[in-house]
Amino acid sequence: MKNISDQKQLIDRFGRRVDYLRVSITDRCDFRCQYCMAEEMTFLPRAQVLTLEEIDFICRAFADLGVTKIRITGGEPLVRKGVLNLLKQLGQIKSLHELVMTTNGSRLEQLASDIRAAGVKRLNISLDTLNKDKFRLLTRNGDLHQVLKGVDAAIKAEFEQIKLNAVILKNRNHHEITQLVQFAVDRAIDISFIEEMPLGVIDSHHRGEMYYPSHLIREDLSASFNLVPIDKKTGGPSVYYQVEGSQTRVGFISPHSENFCASCNRVRLTAEGRLLLCLGNEHSVDLKKVIRANPGDMDKLKQTIIQAMEIKPEKHEFNLDEQPVILRHMNSTGG
């Protein structure tokens, strides 16, 4: 049997190399976005959530196995007490090329410079609308002005890249895409448009009726911008276009209309310690159980991760017209 210490990369049974780990450090959030969670949520008891030390231990195991990019997510990661210390620890992993984060932006005004100093290179900020009333409706309790101040603080902190993420819903915010791109162009930052994913049961809208595919977004944008295809890759599923005459790139994440599973290089660690092998399937391994039963045993953890690659599925099977088969909400998945 090959020595674990000799293995430097993770390969699944379809020959795909896994070098990108998304880590949800909490399922809690200060927003209640309609496409992400129900209005009344029951969050995990704290004893079921990985400690920051356990998250750091697991991330180091993945880095030893060839993962070069780690994205910190939530819920909203910045509501987790001690998050800056965790970022500093992860930022010291020499083999890690990129430490990045996704946030709703609500706490960036206070924390952006500290996040950058901790070693986070790139930042994704969720922003679905620039209308303050609609923003409150979509997030159920969010303050658009506070998020916009957070965007400005992030720009001032000089991250290597800042990207806005907008989930587009038909007849809810699809007519605002031109305004959102112009907002990004004016600030020389990037933006990605995301097709809604059917995770978790929600009661705010019918996902099939509000589905707005990426090709329609591109058609709408062509009236105001010339989008030039580029080969830009960031390790994620976005397909990028350059807005001609600007520094802004527009990405499209299209799990329905332009399935990207064939090139999937990602796995996800949930806040409760489940290693999810696919966003759209329940194939998973309980890493929390492994590390709590074998404290400090890095080889045991690595072996479990290596074996988990054998159950990573080939693709997801999303259907917007049926009740979701994946009952976990996006806040417990980490995006």
Protein backbone atom coordinates (compact mmCIF):
# COMPACT_ATOMS: atom_id res chain seq x y z
CA MET A 1 0.00 0.00 0.00
CA LYS A 2 1.30 3.45 -0.94
CA ASN A 3 2.49 5.51 2.02
CA ILE A 4 0.11 8.36 2.77
CA SER A 5 2.99 10.78 3.14
CA ASP A 6 3.93 10.08 -0.50
CA GLN A 7 0.57 11.19 -1.87
CA LYS A 8 0.57 14.83 -2.90
CA GLN A 9 -2.69 15.18 -4.80
CA LEU A 10 -6.31 14.06 -4.74
CA ILE A 11 -7.73 12.33 -7.83
CA ASP A 12 -11.32 11.12 -8.03
CA ARG A 13 -12.47 8.01 -9.91
CA PHE A 14 -13.21 10.09 -13.03
CA GLY A 15 -9.64 11.35 -13.20
CA ARG A 16 -10.43 14.84 -11.94
CA ARG A 17 -7.85 16.45 -9.68
CA VAL A 18 -9.33 18.05 -6.56
CA ASP A 19 -7.27 21.09 -5.57
CA TYR A 20 -9.97 23.46 -4.25
CA LEU A 21 -11.64 23.23 -0.81
CA ARG A 22 -14.59 25.38 0.21
CA VAL A 23 -14.98 25.59 3.99
CA SER A 24 -18.16 26.67 5.74
CA ILE A 25 -17.08 27.86 9.19
CA THR A 26 -20.65 28.57 10.37
CA ASP A 27 -24.21 27.98 9.23
CA ARG A 28 -25.29 31.23 10.91
CA CYS A 29 -25.86 34.48 9.06
CA ASP A 30 -27.07 37.99 9.81
CA PHE A 31 -29.20 37.92 6.61
CA ARG A 32 -32.02 35.55 5.60
CA CYS A 33 -31.73 35.63 1.80
CA GLN A 34 -34.78 34.10 0.16
CA TYR A 35 -32.89 31.73 -2.16
CA CYS A 36 -30.50 30.63 0.59
CA MET A 37 -32.66 29.76 3.59
CA ALA A 38 -36.09 29.80 5.13
CA GLU A 39 -37.21 32.86 7.08
CA GLU A 40 -37.32 30.88 10.33
CA MET A 41 -34.17 28.79 10.61
CA THR A 42 -32.92 26.35 13.21
CA PHE A 43 -29.14 26.54 13.35
CA LEU A 44 -26.70 23.89 14.50
CA PRO A 45 -26.01 23.59 18.22
CA ARG A 46 -22.52 24.90 18.87
CA ALA A 47 -21.26 21.50 20.06
CA GLN A 48 -21.98 20.08 16.59
CA VAL A 49 -19.94 22.77 14.82
CA LEU A 50 -16.24 22.23 14.16
CA THR A 51 -13.96 24.27 16.37
CA LEU A 52 -11.61 26.69 14.63
CA GLU A 53 -8.70 24.46 15.65
CA GLU A 54 -10.40 21.46 14.01
CA ILE A 55 -11.02 23.50 10.83
CA ASP A 56 -7.35 24.50 10.73
CA PHE A 57 -6.27 20.86 11.22
CA ILE A 58 -8.49 19.64 8.38
CA CYS A 59 -7.39 22.42 6.04
CA ARG A 60 -3.73 21.54 6.66
CA ALA A 61 -4.46 17.92 5.75
CA PHE A 62 -5.99 19.03 2.46
CA ALA A 63 -3.05 21.33 1.76
CA ASP A 64 -0.68 18.40 2.31
CA LEU A 65 -2.75 16.46 -0.24
CA GLY A 66 -2.36 19.05 -2.97
CA VAL A 67 -5.19 21.51 -2.34
CA THR A 68 -3.86 24.92 -3.31
CA LYS A 69 -7.00 27.04 -2.90
CA ILE A 70 -9.23 27.35 0.15
CA ARG A 71 -12.36 29.49 0.23
CA ILE A 72 -13.85 30.45 3.58
CA THR A 73 -17.66 30.71 3.51
CA GLY A 74 -20.68 30.51 5.82
CA GLY A 75 -23.51 31.20 6.38
CA GLU A 76 -21.75 34.47 6.83
CA PRO A 77 -18.18 33.70 7.88
CA LEU A 78 -17.59 37.07 9.55
CA VAL A 79 -20.20 36.37 12.25
CA ARG A 80 -17.98 33.55 13.57
CA LYS A 81 -16.04 34.64 16.63
CA GLY A 82 -12.30 34.17 16.11
CA VAL A 83 -12.48 34.17 12.30
CA LEU A 84 -9.50 36.54 11.94
CA ASN A 85 -7.26 34.21 13.97
CA LEU A 86 -8.31 31.30 11.76
CA LEU A 87 -7.51 33.30 8.63
CA LYS A 88 -4.07 34.18 10.00
CA GLN A 89 -3.36 30.51 10.69
CA LEU A 90 -4.46 29.41 7.23
CA GLY A 91 -2.57 32.27 5.65
CA GLN A 92 0.65 30.76 6.99
CA ILE A 93 0.27 27.49 5.04
CA LYS A 94 3.16 27.79 2.59
CA SER A 95 1.79 25.40 -0.04
CA LEU A 96 -1.51 27.28 -0.26
CA HIS A 97 -1.58 29.51 -3.35
CA GLU A 98 -4.86 31.21 -2.55
CA LEU A 99 -6.85 31.92 0.59
CA VAL A 100 -10.13 33.53 -0.46
CA MET A 101 -13.46 34.38 1.14
CA THR A 102 -17.13 34.83 0.27
CA THR A 103 -19.11 37.29 2.41
CA ASN A 104 -22.38 39.21 2.35
CA GLY A 105 -20.40 42.38 3.00
CA SER A 106 -22.29 43.47 6.10
CA ARG A 107 -19.15 43.56 8.29
CA LEU A 108 -16.52 44.53 5.76
CA GLU A 109 -16.48 48.20 6.71
CA GLN A 110 -14.95 47.20 10.05
CA LEU A 111 -12.97 44.11 9.02
CA ALA A 112 -11.79 44.43 5.40
CA SER A 113 -8.26 45.66 6.20
CA ASP A 114 -7.78 42.99 8.89
CA ILE A 115 -8.96 40.26 6.51
CA ARG A 116 -6.49 41.42 3.88
CA ALA A 117 -3.68 41.58 6.44
CA ALA A 118 -4.46 38.01 7.52
CA GLY A 119 -3.58 36.75 4.04
CA VAL A 120 -6.89 36.64 2.15
CA LYS A 121 -6.07 37.49 -1.47
CA ARG A 122 -9.46 37.58 -3.14
CA LEU A 123 -12.91 38.48 -1.91
CA ASN A 124 -16.38 37.62 -3.25
CA ILE A 125 -19.20 39.86 -2.04
CA SER A 126 -22.85 38.89 -2.53
CA LEU A 127 -24.91 41.73 -4.05
CA ASP A 128 -28.15 40.93 -5.87
CA THR A 129 -29.64 44.42 -6.22
CA LEU A 130 -28.80 48.10 -5.82
CA ASN A 131 -32.34 48.99 -4.78
CA LYS A 132 -32.42 49.37 -0.99
CA ASP A 133 -36.06 48.31 -0.62
CA LYS A 134 -35.61 45.26 -2.83
CA PHE A 135 -32.37 44.45 -1.01
CA ARG A 136 -34.23 44.35 2.28
CA LEU A 137 -36.94 42.20 0.68
CA LEU A 138 -34.47 39.69 -0.81
CA THR A 139 -32.33 39.48 2.33
CA ARG A 140 -35.33 39.91 4.65
CA ASN A 141 -33.32 42.16 6.98
CA GLY A 142 -30.20 43.43 5.19
CA ASP A 143 -29.03 47.05 4.95
CA LEU A 144 -27.83 47.87 1.41
CA HIS A 145 -26.04 51.02 2.54
CA GLN A 146 -23.93 49.02 5.00
CA VAL A 147 -22.97 46.50 2.30
CA LEU A 148 -22.00 49.25 -0.14
CA LYS A 149 -19.77 50.80 2.51
CA GLY A 150 -18.26 47.33 2.88
CA VAL A 151 -17.54 47.16 -0.85
CA ASP A 152 -15.77 50.53 -0.64
CA ALA A 153 -13.75 49.34 2.37
CA ALA A 154 -12.70 46.21 0.49
CA ILE A 155 -11.54 48.27 -2.49
CA LYS A 156 -9.54 50.50 -0.14
CA ALA A 157 -7.94 47.40 1.46
CA GLU A 158 -6.47 46.50 -1.95
CA PHE A 159 -7.38 42.85 -2.32
CA GLU A 160 -5.86 41.25 -5.42
CA GLN A 161 -9.37 40.77 -6.79
CA ILE A 162 -12.86 41.71 -5.65
CA LYS A 163 -15.86 40.09 -7.29
CA LEU A 164 -19.56 40.67 -6.77
CA ASN A 165 -21.86 37.62 -6.84
CA ALA A 166 -25.46 38.12 -7.94
CA VAL A 167 -28.09 35.37 -7.95
CA ILE A 168 -30.55 36.32 -10.69
CA LEU A 169 -34.27 35.60 -10.38
CA LYS A 170 -36.76 36.26 -13.18
CA ASN A 171 -39.11 39.18 -12.44
CA ARG A 172 -37.31 39.77 -9.16
CA ASN A 173 -33.98 41.30 -10.13
CA HIS A 174 -33.22 40.17 -13.70
CA HIS A 175 -33.87 43.65 -15.11
CA GLU A 176 -31.08 45.08 -12.89
CA ILE A 177 -28.17 43.19 -14.43
CA THR A 178 -27.01 46.13 -16.58
CA GLN A 179 -27.01 48.41 -13.55
CA LEU A 180 -25.02 45.84 -11.56
CA VAL A 181 -22.39 45.49 -14.28
CA GLN A 182 -22.08 49.27 -14.56
CA PHE A 183 -21.61 49.43 -10.78
CA ALA A 184 -18.73 46.95 -11.13
CA VAL A 185 -17.22 48.76 -14.12
CA ASP A 186 -17.28 52.08 -12.27
CA ARG A 187 -15.24 50.50 -9.45
CA ALA A 188 -12.95 48.36 -11.64
CA ILE A 189 -14.08 45.15 -9.92
CA ASP A 190 -15.54 41.91 -11.32
CA ILE A 191 -19.02 40.43 -11.13
CA SER A 192 -20.52 36.95 -11.59
CA PHE A 193 -24.15 36.09 -12.27
CA ILE A 194 -25.39 32.83 -10.77
CA GLU A 195 -28.33 30.63 -11.72
CA GLU A 196 -30.27 29.73 -8.57
CA MET A 197 -29.54 26.25 -7.24
CA PRO A 198 -32.41 24.11 -5.85
CA LEU A 199 -31.01 23.41 -2.39
CA GLY A 200 -33.34 23.34 0.59
CA VAL A 201 -37.12 23.77 0.70
CA ILE A 202 -38.15 27.44 0.50
CA ASP A 203 -41.56 29.09 0.45
CA SER A 204 -40.71 32.53 -0.97
CA HIS A 205 -40.95 31.58 -4.67
CA HIS A 206 -41.19 28.77 -7.21
CA ARG A 207 -37.68 28.14 -8.48
CA GLY A 208 -38.74 26.94 -11.92
CA GLU A 209 -40.85 30.03 -12.56
CA MET A 210 -38.04 32.38 -11.49
CA TYR A 211 -35.24 30.63 -13.36
CA TYR A 212 -33.31 33.05 -15.58
CA PRO A 213 -30.53 31.31 -17.58
CA SER A 214 -27.10 32.72 -18.25
CA HIS A 215 -27.59 33.02 -22.01
CA LEU A 216 -30.49 35.43 -21.47
CA ILE A 217 -28.36 37.52 -19.12
CA ARG A 218 -25.64 37.73 -21.77
CA GLU A 219 -28.24 38.75 -24.38
CA ASP A 220 -29.59 41.46 -22.09
CA LEU A 221 -26.10 42.80 -21.36
CA SER A 222 -25.16 42.91 -25.05
CA ALA A 223 -27.43 45.93 -25.50
CA SER A 224 -25.12 48.00 -23.28
CA PHE A 225 -21.75 46.22 -23.20
CA ASN A 226 -19.48 44.33 -25.54
CA LEU A 227 -18.54 41.12 -23.71
CA VAL A 228 -15.37 39.51 -25.06
CA PRO A 229 -14.78 35.81 -24.15
CA ILE A 230 -11.53 35.24 -22.24
CA ASP A 231 -9.69 32.23 -20.82
CA LYS A 232 -9.56 33.66 -17.29
CA LYS A 233 -9.85 30.89 -14.69
CA THR A 234 -9.94 31.23 -10.90
CA GLY A 235 -10.35 27.56 -10.01
CA GLY A 236 -14.13 27.87 -9.74
CA PRO A 237 -17.00 27.26 -12.17
CA SER A 238 -17.31 30.78 -13.63
CA VAL A 239 -16.98 31.32 -17.39
CA TYR A 240 -15.58 34.83 -17.87
CA TYR A 241 -16.01 37.65 -20.37
CA GLN A 242 -14.17 40.98 -20.44
CA VAL A 243 -16.23 44.16 -20.61
CA GLU A 244 -14.55 45.88 -23.53
CA GLY A 245 -12.91 49.15 -22.57
CA SER A 246 -12.83 48.36 -18.85
CA GLN A 247 -10.98 46.31 -16.25
CA THR A 248 -14.15 44.44 -15.31
CA ARG A 249 -14.75 40.77 -16.03
CA VAL A 250 -18.24 39.30 -16.03
CA GLY A 251 -18.57 35.67 -14.99
CA PHE A 252 -21.45 33.25 -15.41
CA ILE A 253 -22.05 30.31 -13.06
CA SER A 254 -24.55 28.08 -14.84
CA PRO A 255 -25.30 24.80 -13.02
CA HIS A 256 -28.45 24.26 -15.11
CA SER A 257 -27.89 25.68 -18.58
CA GLU A 258 -24.13 25.07 -18.95
CA ASN A 259 -23.29 22.15 -16.66
CA PHE A 260 -19.68 22.40 -15.43
CA CYS A 261 -19.36 19.04 -13.65
CA ALA A 262 -16.86 17.53 -16.10
CA SER A 263 -14.15 19.87 -14.85
CA CYS A 264 -15.14 19.88 -11.17
CA ASN A 265 -12.10 20.31 -8.93
CA ARG A 266 -13.95 21.13 -5.68
CA VAL A 267 -15.11 19.57 -2.45
CA ARG A 268 -16.81 21.25 0.50
CA LEU A 269 -16.44 21.04 4.25
CA THR A 270 -19.61 21.92 6.13
CA ALA A 271 -19.65 23.69 9.48
CA GLU A 272 -20.55 20.41 11.19
CA GLY A 273 -17.60 18.60 9.63
CA ARG A 274 -19.15 16.75 6.71
CA LEU A 275 -16.98 16.51 3.62
CA LEU A 276 -19.42 17.04 0.74
CA LEU A 277 -18.14 15.56 -2.50
CA CYS A 278 -20.73 17.36 -4.65
CA LEU A 279 -22.92 20.42 -4.17
CA GLY A 280 -25.91 18.70 -5.76
CA ASN A 281 -25.63 15.28 -4.09
CA GLU A 282 -25.49 13.96 -0.55
CA HIS A 283 -22.33 11.88 -0.99
CA SER A 284 -20.31 12.78 2.09
CA VAL A 285 -17.91 11.62 4.78
CA ASP A 286 -18.03 12.69 8.44
CA LEU A 287 -14.57 14.16 9.06
CA LYS A 288 -15.58 15.50 12.46
CA LYS A 289 -16.21 11.96 13.65
CA VAL A 290 -12.79 10.88 12.36
CA ILE A 291 -10.78 13.66 14.02
CA ARG A 292 -12.66 13.53 17.32
CA ALA A 293 -12.19 9.75 17.52
CA ASN A 294 -8.51 10.06 16.54
CA PRO A 295 -7.28 13.39 17.96
CA GLY A 296 -4.09 14.64 16.34
CA ASP A 297 -3.86 11.68 13.92
CA MET A 298 -3.09 13.43 10.62
CA ASP A 299 -2.44 10.18 8.74
CA LYS A 300 -5.87 8.80 9.67
CA LEU A 301 -7.52 12.02 8.48
CA LYS A 302 -5.59 12.05 5.21
CA GLN A 303 -6.44 8.42 4.52
CA THR A 304 -10.14 9.17 5.04
CA ILE A 305 -9.95 12.12 2.63
CA ILE A 306 -8.12 10.03 0.02
CA GLN A 307 -10.73 7.26 0.26
CA ALA A 308 -13.55 9.81 0.01
CA MET A 309 -12.50 10.63 -3.56
CA GLU A 310 -13.87 7.23 -4.56
CA ILE A 311 -17.45 8.35 -3.84
CA LYS A 312 -17.29 11.77 -5.52
CA PRO A 313 -20.14 11.57 -8.08
CA GLU A 314 -19.77 12.37 -11.75
CA LYS A 315 -22.34 15.18 -11.78
CA HIS A 316 -25.34 16.77 -10.12
CA GLU A 317 -28.94 16.32 -11.29
CA PHE A 318 -30.75 19.59 -10.58
CA ASN A 319 -34.44 19.88 -11.47
CA LEU A 320 -36.07 23.26 -10.86
CA ASP A 321 -39.60 21.98 -11.42
CA GLU A 322 -39.52 19.41 -8.64
CA GLN A 323 -39.17 19.68 -4.89
CA PRO A 324 -35.44 19.63 -4.07
CA VAL A 325 -33.94 16.27 -3.26
CA ILE A 326 -31.20 18.10 -1.36
CA LEU A 327 -32.88 19.37 1.79
CA ARG A 328 -29.90 21.23 3.26
CA HIS A 329 -30.02 24.96 2.64
CA MET A 330 -27.19 26.92 1.04
CA ASN A 331 -26.19 28.41 4.41
CA SER A 332 -25.28 24.94 5.72
CA THR A 333 -23.48 23.99 2.50
CA GLY A 334 -21.16 26.95 2.09
CA GLY A 335 -21.90 27.71 -1.55
